[in-house]
Amino acid sequence: MRAALAALDKYRNSEATVHWLSWSLFNITYGHEPNKADFVRSGGLQTIARAMKCHRGSQAVQRQAIGLLYSALVNDRGIVEETRQELARKHDLKPRIKDAKKTHVSDTQIQAMCDRILSVIK
């Protein structure tokens, strides 16, 4: 987990690297609460938000990143220390989510996940 996050942060300017590392992190965390909690504790939310900012126009990056945020924030049984709202505020996620929604209006998956995340983090 930490190696993937370190690589994601280091190579956040590479669209392909961000896309595939986001995909990998999603697969590692989806449905696996201990990994999801480790992702959050290890700075994953902040790291993915920084990477999203670098690739605002990339639908592939935004879809994977939003999927990862959706998994971590909406299905949060593994997050015990902080609430979803606190995490979103702490890592300034709302602007990234709103930006993805605004930039990728025609992508129904991005729209649906963003709407659900925004309803949860208020």
Protein backbone atom coordinates (compact mmCIF):
# COMPACT_ATOMS: atom_id res chain seq x y z
CA MET A 1 0.00 0.00 0.00
CA ARG A 2 2.62 2.52 1.07
CA ALA A 3 4.81 1.75 -1.95
CA ALA A 4 1.88 2.31 -4.32
CA LEU A 5 0.98 5.58 -2.60
CA ALA A 6 4.60 6.76 -2.67
CA ALA A 7 4.81 5.99 -6.39
CA LEU A 8 1.47 7.71 -7.00
CA ASP A 9 2.71 10.82 -5.25
CA LYS A 10 6.13 10.80 -6.89
CA TYR A 11 4.79 10.23 -10.42
CA ARG A 12 1.53 12.14 -10.11
CA ASN A 13 2.33 14.11 -13.27
CA SER A 14 2.21 10.93 -15.38
CA GLU A 15 -1.37 10.32 -16.48
CA ALA A 16 -0.87 6.63 -17.24
CA THR A 17 0.90 6.01 -13.92
CA VAL A 18 -1.85 7.77 -11.96
CA HIS A 19 -4.55 5.85 -13.83
CA TRP A 20 -3.05 2.42 -13.24
CA LEU A 21 -1.94 3.04 -9.66
CA SER A 22 -5.45 4.32 -8.86
CA TRP A 23 -6.85 1.18 -10.47
CA SER A 24 -4.49 -0.98 -8.39
CA LEU A 25 -5.34 0.82 -5.15
CA PHE A 26 -9.04 0.48 -5.87
CA ASN A 27 -8.63 -3.27 -6.35
CA ILE A 28 -6.54 -3.61 -3.19
CA THR A 29 -9.06 -1.71 -1.06
CA TYR A 30 -12.45 -2.61 -2.54
CA GLY A 31 -14.32 -4.91 -0.18
CA HIS A 32 -11.30 -5.26 2.08
CA GLU A 33 -11.80 -3.06 5.11
CA PRO A 34 -8.32 -3.43 6.67
CA ASN A 35 -6.71 -2.33 3.38
CA LYS A 36 -9.18 0.52 3.04
CA ALA A 37 -8.35 1.72 6.56
CA ASP A 38 -4.62 1.41 5.79
CA PHE A 39 -5.16 3.45 2.60
CA VAL A 40 -6.76 6.25 4.63
CA ARG A 41 -4.21 6.11 7.48
CA SER A 42 -1.33 6.14 5.00
CA GLY A 43 -2.40 9.41 3.41
CA GLY A 44 -4.20 7.90 0.44
CA LEU A 45 -6.99 10.46 0.35
CA GLN A 46 -4.59 13.38 0.18
CA THR A 47 -2.37 11.62 -2.37
CA ILE A 48 -5.23 10.79 -4.71
CA ALA A 49 -6.59 14.34 -4.42
CA ARG A 50 -3.20 15.77 -5.48
CA ALA A 51 -3.04 13.37 -8.42
CA MET A 52 -6.59 14.26 -9.49
CA LYS A 53 -5.66 17.92 -9.55
CA CYS A 54 -2.83 17.18 -12.02
CA HIS A 55 -5.15 15.40 -14.46
CA ARG A 56 -8.43 17.30 -14.31
CA GLY A 57 -9.17 16.66 -17.99
CA SER A 58 -8.45 12.93 -17.98
CA GLN A 59 -11.71 11.05 -17.79
CA ALA A 60 -9.89 7.76 -17.12
CA VAL A 61 -7.91 9.19 -14.20
CA GLN A 62 -10.91 10.96 -12.74
CA ARG A 63 -13.14 7.87 -12.98
CA GLN A 64 -10.57 5.66 -11.21
CA ALA A 65 -9.81 8.27 -8.58
CA ILE A 66 -13.47 8.99 -7.88
CA GLY A 67 -14.09 5.24 -7.67
CA LEU A 68 -11.34 4.96 -5.10
CA LEU A 69 -12.73 7.90 -3.09
CA TYR A 70 -16.23 6.39 -3.37
CA SER A 71 -14.98 3.10 -1.98
CA ALA A 72 -13.12 4.79 0.88
CA LEU A 73 -15.74 7.38 1.83
CA VAL A 74 -19.10 5.79 1.07
CA ASN A 75 -18.29 2.23 2.17
CA ASP A 76 -16.31 3.28 5.23
CA ARG A 77 -16.74 0.48 7.76
CA GLY A 78 -12.94 0.26 8.03
CA ILE A 79 -12.53 3.92 8.97
CA VAL A 80 -12.80 4.17 12.70
CA GLU A 81 -10.80 7.18 13.80
CA GLU A 82 -12.49 9.92 11.82
CA THR A 83 -15.82 10.57 10.20
CA ARG A 84 -16.26 10.86 6.46
CA GLN A 85 -16.97 14.58 6.77
CA GLU A 86 -13.81 15.18 8.79
CA LEU A 87 -11.73 13.23 6.28
CA ALA A 88 -13.17 15.15 3.36
CA ARG A 89 -12.54 18.46 5.08
CA LYS A 90 -9.06 17.53 6.30
CA HIS A 91 -7.94 16.48 2.81
CA ASP A 92 -9.87 19.16 0.91
CA LEU A 93 -11.68 16.54 -1.17
CA LYS A 94 -14.88 18.42 -1.92
CA PRO A 95 -13.27 20.74 -4.53
CA ARG A 96 -11.70 17.75 -6.33
CA ILE A 97 -15.03 15.89 -6.39
CA LYS A 98 -16.95 18.95 -7.58
CA ASP A 99 -14.31 19.63 -10.23
CA ALA A 100 -14.51 16.06 -11.58
CA LYS A 101 -18.30 16.36 -11.71
CA LYS A 102 -18.14 19.70 -13.52
CA THR A 103 -15.39 18.66 -15.96
CA HIS A 104 -16.86 15.27 -16.93
CA VAL A 105 -20.55 16.10 -17.27
CA SER A 106 -21.23 13.39 -19.85
CA ASP A 107 -19.73 10.54 -17.80
CA THR A 108 -22.66 9.02 -15.94
CA GLN A 109 -20.42 6.90 -13.71
CA ILE A 110 -18.43 9.90 -12.52
CA GLN A 111 -21.64 11.89 -12.03
CA ALA A 112 -23.32 9.15 -9.98
CA MET A 113 -20.28 8.48 -7.77
CA CYS A 114 -19.67 12.20 -7.21
CA ASP A 115 -23.31 12.78 -6.28
CA ARG A 116 -23.21 9.93 -3.78
CA ILE A 117 -19.92 11.04 -2.24
CA LEU A 118 -21.12 14.62 -1.95
CA SER A 119 -24.34 13.47 -0.26
CA VAL A 120 -22.29 11.53 2.30
CA ILE A 121 -19.65 14.16 3.07
CA LYS A 122 -22.15 17.07 2.93
